[in-house]
Amino acid sequence: MREKPLVLIIDDEPDIREIVKTKLEANGFEVKEAKDGVEGFNLVKELKPEIVLLDVVMPEMDGVETLLKIKEYECAKGSKIFLFTSKGDPRPEIVSLNRQFARESGATDFIRKEIDLNELVVRLQKAIQELKEEEKYQKIKEEALK
Protein backbone atom coordinates (compact mmCIF):
# COMPACT_ATOMS: atom_id res chain seq x y z
CA MET A 1 0.00 0.00 0.00
CA ARG A 2 1.17 3.51 -0.76
CA GLU A 3 2.38 5.86 1.95
CA LYS A 4 -0.42 8.25 0.95
CA PRO A 5 -3.54 6.32 -0.06
CA LEU A 6 -4.71 7.16 -3.57
CA VAL A 7 -8.32 8.24 -4.08
CA LEU A 8 -9.71 8.53 -7.60
CA ILE A 9 -12.73 10.83 -7.90
CA ILE A 10 -14.79 10.06 -11.00
CA ASP A 11 -17.37 12.83 -11.33
CA ASP A 12 -18.59 15.06 -14.14
CA GLU A 13 -18.97 18.05 -11.79
CA PRO A 14 -15.64 19.94 -11.50
CA ASP A 15 -16.75 21.84 -8.38
CA ILE A 16 -17.50 18.60 -6.52
CA ARG A 17 -14.15 17.11 -7.56
CA GLU A 18 -12.29 20.22 -6.38
CA ILE A 19 -14.05 20.49 -3.00
CA VAL A 20 -13.58 16.80 -2.19
CA LYS A 21 -10.00 16.77 -3.50
CA THR A 22 -9.01 19.75 -1.34
CA LYS A 23 -10.47 18.15 1.81
CA LEU A 24 -8.93 14.74 1.16
CA GLU A 25 -5.48 16.12 0.32
CA ALA A 26 -5.57 18.15 3.55
CA ASN A 27 -6.13 14.85 5.37
CA GLY A 28 -3.24 12.88 3.91
CA PHE A 29 -4.74 11.35 0.77
CA GLU A 30 -3.32 11.61 -2.72
CA VAL A 31 -6.15 12.45 -5.12
CA LYS A 32 -6.56 12.04 -8.88
CA GLU A 33 -9.61 13.07 -10.89
CA ALA A 34 -11.59 11.85 -13.89
CA LYS A 35 -14.38 13.78 -15.55
CA ASP A 36 -16.38 10.78 -16.78
CA GLY A 37 -16.68 7.01 -16.63
CA VAL A 38 -14.48 6.32 -19.66
CA GLU A 39 -11.57 8.37 -18.31
CA GLY A 40 -12.21 6.96 -14.84
CA PHE A 41 -12.13 3.35 -16.03
CA ASN A 42 -8.81 3.95 -17.79
CA LEU A 43 -7.33 5.60 -14.68
CA VAL A 44 -8.50 2.73 -12.46
CA LYS A 45 -6.65 0.31 -14.75
CA GLU A 46 -3.54 2.49 -14.81
CA LEU A 47 -3.34 3.73 -11.21
CA LYS A 48 -4.98 0.95 -9.16
CA PRO A 49 -6.24 3.40 -6.50
CA GLU A 50 -7.05 2.29 -2.98
CA ILE A 51 -10.38 4.14 -3.11
CA VAL A 52 -12.68 5.16 -5.95
CA LEU A 53 -15.47 7.72 -5.45
CA LEU A 54 -17.71 7.04 -8.43
CA ASP A 55 -20.53 9.41 -9.35
CA VAL A 56 -23.65 7.55 -10.43
CA VAL A 57 -25.16 10.05 -12.89
CA MET A 58 -22.70 11.02 -15.64
CA PRO A 59 -22.93 11.42 -19.41
CA GLU A 60 -21.40 8.89 -21.81
CA MET A 61 -20.82 6.05 -19.31
CA ASP A 62 -22.65 6.37 -15.99
CA GLY A 63 -21.32 5.21 -12.65
CA VAL A 64 -23.09 1.85 -12.61
CA GLU A 65 -21.81 1.03 -16.12
CA THR A 66 -18.33 2.10 -15.05
CA LEU A 67 -18.51 -0.04 -11.91
CA LEU A 68 -19.65 -3.09 -13.86
CA LYS A 69 -16.85 -2.60 -16.40
CA ILE A 70 -14.27 -2.23 -13.60
CA LYS A 71 -15.56 -5.46 -12.04
CA GLU A 72 -15.69 -7.28 -15.39
CA TYR A 73 -12.04 -6.49 -16.13
CA GLU A 74 -11.01 -7.08 -12.51
CA CYS A 75 -8.85 -3.96 -12.59
CA ALA A 76 -9.73 -2.76 -9.10
CA LYS A 77 -8.84 -5.77 -6.96
CA GLY A 78 -7.90 -4.45 -3.57
CA SER A 79 -9.79 -1.19 -4.11
CA LYS A 80 -12.78 0.11 -2.21
CA ILE A 81 -15.33 1.59 -4.62
CA PHE A 82 -18.03 3.91 -3.34
CA LEU A 83 -21.00 5.01 -5.43
CA PHE A 84 -21.05 8.76 -4.84
CA THR A 85 -24.13 10.75 -5.81
CA SER A 86 -26.36 13.70 -5.02
CA LYS A 87 -29.35 11.66 -6.13
CA GLY A 88 -31.25 9.78 -3.52
CA ASP A 89 -33.55 10.39 -0.63
CA PRO A 90 -31.81 11.02 2.72
CA ARG A 91 -34.36 8.98 4.72
CA PRO A 92 -32.63 6.03 6.44
CA GLU A 93 -34.79 3.38 4.76
CA ILE A 94 -33.98 4.78 1.31
CA VAL A 95 -30.27 5.11 2.13
CA SER A 96 -30.39 1.46 3.22
CA LEU A 97 -31.84 0.45 -0.16
CA ASN A 98 -29.18 2.49 -1.96
CA ARG A 99 -26.47 0.76 0.08
CA GLN A 100 -27.94 -2.62 -0.76
CA PHE A 101 -28.01 -1.71 -4.47
CA ALA A 102 -24.40 -0.48 -4.32
CA ARG A 103 -23.18 -3.68 -2.68
CA GLU A 104 -25.15 -5.92 -5.04
CA SER A 105 -23.56 -4.02 -7.95
CA GLY A 106 -20.09 -4.71 -6.57
CA ALA A 107 -19.38 -1.43 -4.79
CA THR A 108 -18.22 -1.19 -1.20
CA ASP A 109 -20.95 1.25 -0.23
CA PHE A 110 -23.06 4.24 -1.21
CA ILE A 111 -22.17 7.79 -0.13
CA ARG A 112 -24.37 10.84 -0.67
CA LYS A 113 -22.50 13.93 -1.89
CA GLU A 114 -24.26 15.95 0.79
CA ILE A 115 -22.19 14.12 3.43
CA ASP A 116 -20.25 16.27 5.88
CA LEU A 117 -16.69 16.34 4.52
CA ASN A 118 -15.25 15.40 7.91
CA GLU A 119 -17.49 12.33 7.95
CA LEU A 120 -16.36 11.48 4.41
CA VAL A 121 -12.73 11.59 5.56
CA VAL A 122 -13.53 9.30 8.50
CA ARG A 123 -15.32 6.79 6.25
CA LEU A 124 -12.44 6.73 3.79
CA GLN A 125 -9.87 6.37 6.58
CA LYS A 126 -11.90 3.41 7.86
CA ALA A 127 -11.87 1.91 4.36
CA ILE A 128 -8.07 2.30 4.23
CA GLN A 129 -7.77 0.58 7.61
CA GLU A 130 -9.89 -2.30 6.28
CA LEU A 131 -7.61 -2.57 3.23
CA LYS A 132 -4.54 -2.71 5.48
CA GLU A 133 -6.12 -5.47 7.56
CA GLU A 134 -7.10 -7.41 4.44
CA GLU A 135 -3.55 -7.04 3.10
CA LYS A 136 -2.08 -8.23 6.41
CA TYR A 137 -4.46 -11.21 6.50
CA GLN A 138 -3.52 -12.13 2.93
CA LYS A 139 0.20 -12.10 3.81
CA ILE A 140 -0.41 -14.33 6.84
CA LYS A 141 -2.46 -16.69 4.69
CA GLU A 142 0.28 -16.84 2.04
CA GLU A 143 2.95 -17.52 4.68
CA ALA A 144 0.86 -20.34 6.15
CA LEU A 145 0.58 -21.99 2.74
CA LYS A 146 4.36 -22.05 2.15
C-alpha atoms as a PDB file:
ATOM      1  CA  MET A   1       0.000   0.000   0.000  1.00  0.00           C
ATOM      2  CA  ARG A   2       1.169   3.508  -0.758  1.00  0.00           C
ATOM      3  CA  GLU A   3       2.379   5.857   1.953  1.00  0.00           C
ATOM      4  CA  LYS A   4      -0.418   8.251   0.946  1.00  0.00           C
ATOM      5  CA  PRO A   5      -3.543   6.316  -0.060  1.00  0.00           C
ATOM      6  CA  LEU A   6      -4.710   7.164  -3.570  1.00  0.00           C
ATOM      7  CA  VAL A   7      -8.321   8.242  -4.081  1.00  0.00           C
ATOM      8  CA  LEU A   8      -9.709   8.532  -7.605  1.00  0.00           C
ATOM      9  CA  ILE A   9     -12.726  10.828  -7.897  1.00  0.00           C
ATOM     10  CA  ILE A  10     -14.794  10.064 -10.998  1.00  0.00           C
ATOM     11  CA  ASP A  11     -17.372  12.829 -11.330  1.00  0.00           C
ATOM     12  CA  ASP A  12     -18.587  15.064 -14.144  1.00  0.00           C
ATOM     13  CA  GLU A  13     -18.968  18.050 -11.786  1.00  0.00           C
ATOM     14  CA  PRO A  14     -15.635  19.936 -11.499  1.00  0.00           C
ATOM     15  CA  ASP A  15     -16.747  21.838  -8.379  1.00  0.00           C
ATOM     16  CA  ILE A  16     -17.502  18.599  -6.524  1.00  0.00           C
ATOM     17  CA  ARG A  17     -14.155  17.114  -7.562  1.00  0.00           C
ATOM     18  CA  GLU A  18     -12.288  20.216  -6.384  1.00  0.00           C
ATOM     19  CA  ILE A  19     -14.047  20.489  -2.999  1.00  0.00           C
ATOM     20  CA  VAL A  20     -13.584  16.803  -2.190  1.00  0.00           C
ATOM     21  CA  LYS A  21     -10.001  16.769  -3.505  1.00  0.00           C
ATOM     22  CA  THR A  22      -9.008  19.746  -1.345  1.00  0.00           C
ATOM     23  CA  LYS A  23     -10.467  18.153   1.806  1.00  0.00           C
ATOM     24  CA  LEU A  24      -8.931  14.741   1.162  1.00  0.00           C
ATOM     25  CA  GLU A  25      -5.482  16.118   0.323  1.00  0.00           C
ATOM     26  CA  ALA A  26      -5.569  18.153   3.545  1.00  0.00           C
ATOM     27  CA  ASN A  27      -6.131  14.855   5.367  1.00  0.00           C
ATOM     28  CA  GLY A  28      -3.244  12.881   3.908  1.00  0.00           C
ATOM     29  CA  PHE A  29      -4.737  11.354   0.771  1.00  0.00           C
ATOM     30  CA  GLU A  30      -3.316  11.611  -2.724  1.00  0.00           C
ATOM     31  CA  VAL A  31      -6.146  12.454  -5.125  1.00  0.00           C
ATOM     32  CA  LYS A  32      -6.564  12.040  -8.878  1.00  0.00           C
ATOM     33  CA  GLU A  33      -9.614  13.065 -10.887  1.00  0.00           C
ATOM     34  CA  ALA A  34     -11.585  11.847 -13.890  1.00  0.00           C
ATOM     35  CA  LYS A  35     -14.383  13.785 -15.551  1.00  0.00           C
ATOM     36  CA  ASP A  36     -16.376  10.776 -16.784  1.00  0.00           C
ATOM     37  CA  GLY A  37     -16.685   7.011 -16.632  1.00  0.00           C
ATOM     38  CA  VAL A  38     -14.481   6.322 -19.659  1.00  0.00           C
ATOM     39  CA  GLU A  39     -11.572   8.371 -18.309  1.00  0.00           C
ATOM     40  CA  GLY A  40     -12.212   6.959 -14.838  1.00  0.00           C
ATOM     41  CA  PHE A  41     -12.131   3.348 -16.030  1.00  0.00           C
ATOM     42  CA  ASN A  42      -8.811   3.949 -17.788  1.00  0.00           C
ATOM     43  CA  LEU A  43      -7.327   5.601 -14.680  1.00  0.00           C
ATOM     44  CA  VAL A  44      -8.495   2.735 -12.455  1.00  0.00           C
ATOM     45  CA  LYS A  45      -6.651   0.306 -14.753  1.00  0.00           C
ATOM     46  CA  GLU A  46      -3.539   2.486 -14.813  1.00  0.00           C
ATOM     47  CA  LEU A  47      -3.335   3.728 -11.213  1.00  0.00           C
ATOM     48  CA  LYS A  48      -4.980   0.948  -9.157  1.00  0.00           C
ATOM     49  CA  PRO A  49      -6.240   3.404  -6.501  1.00  0.00           C
ATOM     50  CA  GLU A  50      -7.053   2.290  -2.979  1.00  0.00           C
ATOM     51  CA  ILE A  51     -10.382   4.142  -3.109  1.00  0.00           C
ATOM     52  CA  VAL A  52     -12.677   5.162  -5.954  1.00  0.00           C
ATOM     53  CA  LEU A  53     -15.465   7.718  -5.450  1.00  0.00           C
ATOM     54  CA  LEU A  54     -17.713   7.035  -8.430  1.00  0.00           C
ATOM     55  CA  ASP A  55     -20.534   9.410  -9.347  1.00  0.00           C
ATOM     56  CA  VAL A  56     -23.648   7.552 -10.430  1.00  0.00           C
ATOM     57  CA  VAL A  57     -25.164  10.052 -12.886  1.00  0.00           C
ATOM     58  CA  MET A  58     -22.703  11.021 -15.635  1.00  0.00           C
ATOM     59  CA  PRO A  59     -22.927  11.422 -19.410  1.00  0.00           C
ATOM     60  CA  GLU A  60     -21.400   8.893 -21.813  1.00  0.00           C
ATOM     61  CA  MET A  61     -20.823   6.048 -19.308  1.00  0.00           C
ATOM     62  CA  ASP A  62     -22.655   6.366 -15.991  1.00  0.00           C
ATOM     63  CA  GLY A  63     -21.324   5.213 -12.645  1.00  0.00           C
ATOM     64  CA  VAL A  64     -23.085   1.852 -12.606  1.00  0.00           C
ATOM     65  CA  GLU A  65     -21.812   1.028 -16.118  1.00  0.00           C
ATOM     66  CA  THR A  66     -18.326   2.100 -15.054  1.00  0.00           C
ATOM     67  CA  LEU A  67     -18.512  -0.035 -11.914  1.00  0.00           C
ATOM     68  CA  LEU A  68     -19.649  -3.092 -13.863  1.00  0.00           C
ATOM     69  CA  LYS A  69     -16.846  -2.599 -16.399  1.00  0.00           C
ATOM     70  CA  ILE A  70     -14.272  -2.230 -13.600  1.00  0.00           C
ATOM     71  CA  LYS A  71     -15.564  -5.456 -12.037  1.00  0.00           C
ATOM     72  CA  GLU A  72     -15.685  -7.282 -15.387  1.00  0.00           C
ATOM     73  CA  TYR A  73     -12.044  -6.487 -16.134  1.00  0.00           C
ATOM     74  CA  GLU A  74     -11.014  -7.085 -12.506  1.00  0.00           C
ATOM     75  CA  CYS A  75      -8.853  -3.964 -12.593  1.00  0.00           C
ATOM     76  CA  ALA A  76      -9.728  -2.761  -9.096  1.00  0.00           C
ATOM     77  CA  LYS A  77      -8.844  -5.770  -6.965  1.00  0.00           C
ATOM     78  CA  GLY A  78      -7.901  -4.448  -3.570  1.00  0.00           C
ATOM     79  CA  SER A  79      -9.786  -1.189  -4.108  1.00  0.00           C
ATOM     80  CA  LYS A  80     -12.782   0.113  -2.212  1.00  0.00           C
ATOM     81  CA  ILE A  81     -15.327   1.594  -4.620  1.00  0.00           C
ATOM     82  CA  PHE A  82     -18.034   3.913  -3.339  1.00  0.00           C
ATOM     83  CA  LEU A  83     -20.999   5.009  -5.433  1.00  0.00           C
ATOM     84  CA  PHE A  84     -21.051   8.762  -4.843  1.00  0.00           C
ATOM     85  CA  THR A  85     -24.126  10.752  -5.806  1.00  0.00           C
ATOM     86  CA  SER A  86     -26.357  13.695  -5.023  1.00  0.00           C
ATOM     87  CA  LYS A  87     -29.352  11.660  -6.135  1.00  0.00           C
ATOM     88  CA  GLY A  88     -31.253   9.782  -3.520  1.00  0.00           C
ATOM     89  CA  ASP A  89     -33.546  10.386  -0.630  1.00  0.00           C
ATOM     90  CA  PRO A  90     -31.814  11.023   2.720  1.00  0.00           C
ATOM     91  CA  ARG A  91     -34.356   8.983   4.722  1.00  0.00           C
ATOM     92  CA  PRO A  92     -32.633   6.030   6.441  1.00  0.00           C
ATOM     93  CA  GLU A  93     -34.795   3.381   4.765  1.00  0.00           C
ATOM     94  CA  ILE A  94     -33.975   4.783   1.307  1.00  0.00           C
ATOM     95  CA  VAL A  95     -30.274   5.107   2.127  1.00  0.00           C
ATOM     96  CA  SER A  96     -30.390   1.461   3.224  1.00  0.00           C
ATOM     97  CA  LEU A  97     -31.844   0.446  -0.159  1.00  0.00           C
ATOM     98  CA  ASN A  98     -29.183   2.491  -1.964  1.00  0.00           C
ATOM     99  CA  ARG A  99     -26.472   0.760   0.085  1.00  0.00           C
ATOM    100  CA  GLN A 100     -27.944  -2.623  -0.761  1.00  0.00           C
ATOM    101  CA  PHE A 101     -28.014  -1.713  -4.467  1.00  0.00           C
ATOM    102  CA  ALA A 102     -24.403  -0.477  -4.316  1.00  0.00           C
ATOM    103  CA  ARG A 103     -23.184  -3.677  -2.678  1.00  0.00           C
ATOM    104  CA  GLU A 104     -25.150  -5.917  -5.037  1.00  0.00           C
ATOM    105  CA  SER A 105     -23.563  -4.023  -7.946  1.00  0.00           C
ATOM    106  CA  GLY A 106     -20.089  -4.712  -6.571  1.00  0.00           C
ATOM    107  CA  ALA A 107     -19.383  -1.431  -4.786  1.00  0.00           C
ATOM    108  CA  THR A 108     -18.218  -1.193  -1.198  1.00  0.00           C
ATOM    109  CA  ASP A 109     -20.948   1.248  -0.226  1.00  0.00           C
ATOM    110  CA  PHE A 110     -23.063   4.243  -1.214  1.00  0.00           C
ATOM    111  CA  ILE A 111     -22.172   7.792  -0.127  1.00  0.00           C
ATOM    112  CA  ARG A 112     -24.367  10.842  -0.668  1.00  0.00           C
ATOM    113  CA  LYS A 113     -22.505  13.934  -1.888  1.00  0.00           C
ATOM    114  CA  GLU A 114     -24.261  15.947   0.788  1.00  0.00           C
ATOM    115  CA  ILE A 115     -22.193  14.122   3.434  1.00  0.00           C
ATOM    116  CA  ASP A 116     -20.250  16.268   5.876  1.00  0.00           C
ATOM    117  CA  LEU A 117     -16.692  16.338   4.515  1.00  0.00           C
ATOM    118  CA  ASN A 118     -15.247  15.395   7.909  1.00  0.00           C
ATOM    119  CA  GLU A 119     -17.492  12.326   7.949  1.00  0.00           C
ATOM    120  CA  LEU A 120     -16.361  11.482   4.413  1.00  0.00           C
ATOM    121  CA  VAL A 121     -12.726  11.593   5.564  1.00  0.00           C
ATOM    122  CA  VAL A 122     -13.531   9.297   8.502  1.00  0.00           C
ATOM    123  CA  ARG A 123     -15.316   6.794   6.246  1.00  0.00           C
ATOM    124  CA  LEU A 124     -12.437   6.732   3.785  1.00  0.00           C
ATOM    125  CA  GLN A 125      -9.873   6.372   6.579  1.00  0.00           C
ATOM    126  CA  LYS A 126     -11.899   3.411   7.859  1.00  0.00           C
ATOM    127  CA  ALA A 127     -11.867   1.905   4.364  1.00  0.00           C
ATOM    128  CA  ILE A 128      -8.074   2.303   4.227  1.00  0.00           C
ATOM    129  CA  GLN A 129      -7.765   0.575   7.606  1.00  0.00           C
ATOM    130  CA  GLU A 130      -9.889  -2.304   6.281  1.00  0.00           C
ATOM    131  CA  LEU A 131      -7.615  -2.565   3.228  1.00  0.00           C
ATOM    132  CA  LYS A 132      -4.544  -2.712   5.477  1.00  0.00           C
ATOM    133  CA  GLU A 133      -6.122  -5.468   7.563  1.00  0.00           C
ATOM    134  CA  GLU A 134      -7.099  -7.414   4.436  1.00  0.00           C
ATOM    135  CA  GLU A 135      -3.546  -7.040   3.102  1.00  0.00           C
ATOM    136  CA  LYS A 136      -2.082  -8.233   6.412  1.00  0.00           C
ATOM    137  CA  TYR A 137      -4.459 -11.215   6.504  1.00  0.00           C
ATOM    138  CA  GLN A 138      -3.520 -12.127   2.926  1.00  0.00           C
ATOM    139  CA  LYS A 139       0.201 -12.100   3.814  1.00  0.00           C
ATOM    140  CA  ILE A 140      -0.411 -14.331   6.843  1.00  0.00           C
ATOM    141  CA  LYS A 141      -2.464 -16.695   4.688  1.00  0.00           C
ATOM    142  CA  GLU A 142       0.280 -16.840   2.036  1.00  0.00           C
ATOM    143  CA  GLU A 143       2.945 -17.521   4.682  1.00  0.00           C
ATOM    144  CA  ALA A 144       0.859 -20.340   6.153  1.00  0.00           C
ATOM    145  CA  LEU A 145       0.583 -21.989   2.738  1.00  0.00           C
ATOM    146  CA  LYS A 146       4.357 -22.053   2.155  1.00  0.00           C
END
